[in-house]
Every structure is written in C-alpha cells, then in structure tokens.
Amino acid sequence: MDRKLLKDGEFYPDNSIVWQPDLVIADDVQDILVPQALWQSHKEDIRPLRPRKLLHILPDDELAEIEADLSELDGIAIEFPSFLDGRGYSHARTLRDHLNYRKEIRAVGDVLVDQLFFMKRCGFSSFVLKPGQNPDAAVKALNTFRFSYQQGSDSQKPLHRIRKGL
C-alpha cells in the first residue's frame, strides 16, 4: 500500500501497524497503533516494545479511560472509519483542550485532503493520507484559509483577536 504520513509539513512512508498480542513486529516498523481495549489489557507487554506506541482511538472509545496513561504514549492515532464520521474531531479537541495533551495526534483511516485544515484546527498534528491523494494538494490544504473566526486547538488566532491586536 502507498500510504503517506504528512507530519510537520514533510511526507514519510507510513509503515505503522495495528498491534495484536501475537504479532511479530518487523524491524522496519516505526510505529505501532495499539487499540484502546488491548492497551488496557496488555500494558505490561506493550511498554517494553521498541517501536513508538500510539494509542489507536475509535469513534466509540471513551477518553476518560486512558487519561492516566497518556504520559506513557508517544502519540494518539484517531481512526476515521468514514469521512462522514466527525467524532474524531471531538476526540482531538478533548485531548488538546481538556486533557492538555501536547504530543502527536494522528488522523488515520478515511482522511481526505479537504478535511486537513479543519483537522489541524481541532488539534491534529499528523495525517495518514489514503493512496492516490495528491501530496501537494495536502500540504496546500493545511493552510486553506488565512484567518479563522473561531478559536481552535491550534495556535492560529481568531480574526476578532487579530483585529483587536491581541
């Protein structure tokens, strides 16, 4: 598969895998995505593993259950099973604004270029693009609008604050 990871304005091959208890991890795997239920039941087995550990959050998962473990993780990967399902945006805002999570939040699944600007505004910091998506369009999409009217989870100031010189 030709999935690309867009992170910090650069593209990398996405060689992450979803962790399972009987999985043999190849040397070229840099990130493992650990489903929340497996993290809860296999923490002790997962902690010593070498690849970076990103908690794999599904739309129905409850973030309150993992709040105490956030400092142990290298990042969070939020699944979008369909571009029509917006619950991942809420998870990202909760992590950034209410749980003060500052590490990587990655969008995975049915991630479309048209959504990247809004995902960034909700706190996502990296994105796994589906095969066939235009990389140049993805980078450009991160800055679709110069100004925003509302406060977001990113560092962009809303327009009313810019006008007041705040």
Protein backbone atom coordinates (compact mmCIF):
# COMPACT_ATOMS: atom_id res chain seq x y z
CA MET A 1 0.00 0.00 0.00
CA ASP A 2 1.12 3.51 -0.76
CA ARG A 3 0.09 5.37 2.37
CA LYS A 4 1.91 8.56 3.22
CA LEU A 5 2.29 10.22 6.59
CA LEU A 6 2.17 14.03 6.50
CA LYS A 7 3.88 15.36 9.60
CA ASP A 8 5.47 18.77 10.21
CA GLY A 9 5.00 19.66 6.54
CA GLU A 10 7.03 16.67 5.33
CA PHE A 11 5.96 13.32 3.87
CA TYR A 12 7.16 9.97 5.17
CA PRO A 13 6.18 6.43 4.22
CA ASP A 14 3.59 5.19 6.68
CA ASN A 15 4.85 1.87 7.96
CA SER A 16 2.77 1.74 11.11
CA ILE A 17 0.85 -1.39 12.05
CA VAL A 18 -2.04 -2.13 14.36
CA TRP A 19 -0.70 -4.14 17.30
CA GLN A 20 -2.15 -7.55 18.20
CA PRO A 21 -0.94 -9.79 21.05
CA ASP A 22 0.52 -12.49 18.78
CA LEU A 23 2.03 -10.09 16.25
CA VAL A 24 5.71 -10.34 15.31
CA ILE A 25 6.97 -6.82 14.70
CA ALA A 26 9.30 -6.42 11.70
CA ASP A 27 12.43 -4.28 12.01
CA ASP A 28 11.15 -1.58 9.64
CA VAL A 29 8.04 -0.85 11.71
CA GLN A 30 8.47 2.50 13.41
CA ASP A 31 5.03 2.98 14.96
CA ILE A 32 2.54 0.56 16.44
CA LEU A 33 -1.07 1.59 16.83
CA VAL A 34 -2.43 -0.04 19.98
CA PRO A 35 -6.23 -0.37 20.19
CA GLN A 36 -7.53 1.06 23.45
CA ALA A 37 -9.01 -2.23 24.65
CA LEU A 38 -5.70 -4.05 24.06
CA TRP A 39 -3.75 -1.29 25.79
CA GLN A 40 -5.93 -1.72 28.87
CA SER A 41 -5.42 -5.48 28.96
CA HIS A 42 -1.76 -5.74 27.76
CA LYS A 43 0.03 -2.63 29.05
CA GLU A 44 2.82 -4.60 30.66
CA ASP A 45 3.56 -6.46 27.40
CA ILE A 46 3.46 -3.32 25.27
CA ARG A 47 5.55 -0.92 27.37
CA PRO A 48 8.96 -2.51 26.62
CA LEU A 49 8.41 -2.72 22.86
CA ARG A 50 10.84 -0.70 20.73
CA PRO A 51 8.57 0.99 18.15
CA ARG A 52 6.82 4.20 19.05
CA LYS A 53 3.47 3.47 20.68
CA LEU A 54 0.39 5.37 19.53
CA LEU A 55 -2.94 4.63 21.16
CA HIS A 56 -5.47 3.80 18.44
CA ILE A 57 -8.75 5.54 19.30
CA LEU A 58 -12.00 4.54 17.61
CA PRO A 59 -15.08 6.79 17.44
CA ASP A 60 -16.88 4.94 20.26
CA ASP A 61 -13.92 4.88 22.65
CA GLU A 62 -14.08 6.83 25.92
CA LEU A 63 -11.06 9.07 26.51
CA ALA A 64 -11.61 9.18 30.28
CA GLU A 65 -10.48 5.55 30.45
CA ILE A 66 -6.98 6.36 29.17
CA GLU A 67 -6.35 9.75 30.76
CA ALA A 68 -3.99 8.35 33.40
CA ASP A 69 -1.86 6.59 30.75
CA LEU A 70 -1.40 9.48 28.31
CA SER A 71 2.11 10.33 29.51
CA GLU A 72 3.34 6.82 28.62
CA LEU A 73 2.31 7.05 24.98
CA ASP A 74 4.25 8.58 22.09
CA GLY A 75 1.05 9.73 20.43
CA ILE A 76 -2.60 9.13 19.69
CA ALA A 77 -3.96 7.84 16.37
CA ILE A 78 -7.63 8.67 15.88
CA GLU A 79 -9.49 6.48 13.40
CA PHE A 80 -11.92 7.91 10.85
CA PRO A 81 -13.88 4.87 9.57
CA SER A 82 -15.70 7.19 7.16
CA PHE A 83 -15.17 10.81 6.22
CA LEU A 84 -18.79 11.35 7.32
CA ASP A 85 -18.00 10.39 10.94
CA GLY A 86 -16.90 13.51 12.82
CA ARG A 87 -16.40 12.04 16.29
CA GLY A 88 -12.64 12.00 15.75
CA TYR A 89 -12.63 15.81 15.68
CA SER A 90 -14.25 15.81 19.14
CA HIS A 91 -11.66 13.36 20.45
CA ALA A 92 -8.82 15.60 19.22
CA ARG A 93 -10.37 18.73 20.79
CA THR A 94 -10.88 16.90 24.09
CA LEU A 95 -7.27 15.72 24.10
CA ARG A 96 -5.84 19.16 23.33
CA ASP A 97 -8.20 21.46 25.22
CA HIS A 98 -9.39 19.44 28.21
CA LEU A 99 -6.63 16.88 28.81
CA ASN A 100 -3.79 19.23 27.74
CA TYR A 101 -2.22 16.53 25.55
CA ARG A 102 0.75 18.04 23.62
CA LYS A 103 2.24 15.05 21.81
CA GLU A 104 1.35 13.82 18.30
CA ILE A 105 -2.31 13.35 17.38
CA ARG A 106 -2.55 11.49 14.07
CA ALA A 107 -5.59 11.17 11.81
CA VAL A 108 -5.87 7.70 10.24
CA GLY A 109 -8.50 5.93 8.14
CA ASP A 110 -10.74 7.73 5.68
CA VAL A 111 -8.78 11.00 5.80
CA LEU A 112 -9.44 13.31 2.87
CA VAL A 113 -7.33 16.26 1.75
CA ASP A 114 -10.38 18.53 2.05
CA GLN A 115 -10.53 17.83 5.81
CA LEU A 116 -6.91 18.58 6.72
CA PHE A 117 -7.33 22.29 7.54
CA PHE A 118 -10.21 21.55 9.93
CA MET A 119 -8.39 18.60 11.46
CA LYS A 120 -5.39 20.84 12.13
CA ARG A 121 -7.70 23.40 13.76
CA CYS A 122 -9.01 20.63 16.07
CA GLY A 123 -5.52 19.66 17.18
CA PHE A 124 -4.32 17.00 14.76
CA SER A 125 -0.60 17.25 14.09
CA SER A 126 -0.10 14.45 11.53
CA PHE A 127 -2.20 12.77 8.88
CA VAL A 128 -2.05 9.44 7.05
CA LEU A 129 -3.28 10.05 3.53
CA LYS A 130 -5.15 7.45 1.58
CA PRO A 131 -3.38 6.05 -1.51
CA GLY A 132 -3.77 8.20 -4.58
CA GLN A 133 -4.20 11.54 -2.80
CA ASN A 134 -2.18 14.44 -4.16
CA PRO A 135 0.66 15.31 -1.73
CA ASP A 136 0.98 18.90 -2.98
CA ALA A 137 -2.75 19.46 -2.51
CA ALA A 138 -2.49 18.05 1.02
CA VAL A 139 0.23 20.49 2.06
CA LYS A 140 -1.69 23.36 0.48
CA ALA A 141 -4.91 22.25 2.23
CA LEU A 142 -3.35 22.72 5.67
CA ASN A 143 -3.44 26.48 5.01
CA THR A 144 -6.73 26.73 3.11
CA PHE A 145 -7.86 29.84 4.98
CA ARG A 146 -5.66 32.67 6.16
CA PHE A 147 -7.98 33.66 9.00
CA SER A 148 -10.46 31.85 11.21
CA TYR A 149 -13.45 33.26 13.04
CA GLN A 150 -13.41 30.81 15.94
CA GLN A 151 -10.78 29.81 18.46
CA GLY A 152 -9.27 26.43 17.59
CA SER A 153 -6.93 23.97 19.25
CA ASP A 154 -4.06 25.07 17.03
CA SER A 155 -2.06 28.24 17.51
CA GLN A 156 -3.95 30.27 14.91
CA LYS A 157 -5.62 33.33 16.45
CA PRO A 158 -9.25 34.01 15.54
CA LEU A 159 -9.86 37.10 13.42
CA HIS A 160 -11.52 39.14 16.21
CA ARG A 161 -8.35 38.85 18.32
CA ILE A 162 -6.16 39.87 15.41
CA ARG A 163 -8.36 42.95 14.80
CA LYS A 164 -8.08 43.96 18.46
CA GLY A 165 -4.31 43.46 18.39
CA LEU A 166 -4.48 40.68 20.99
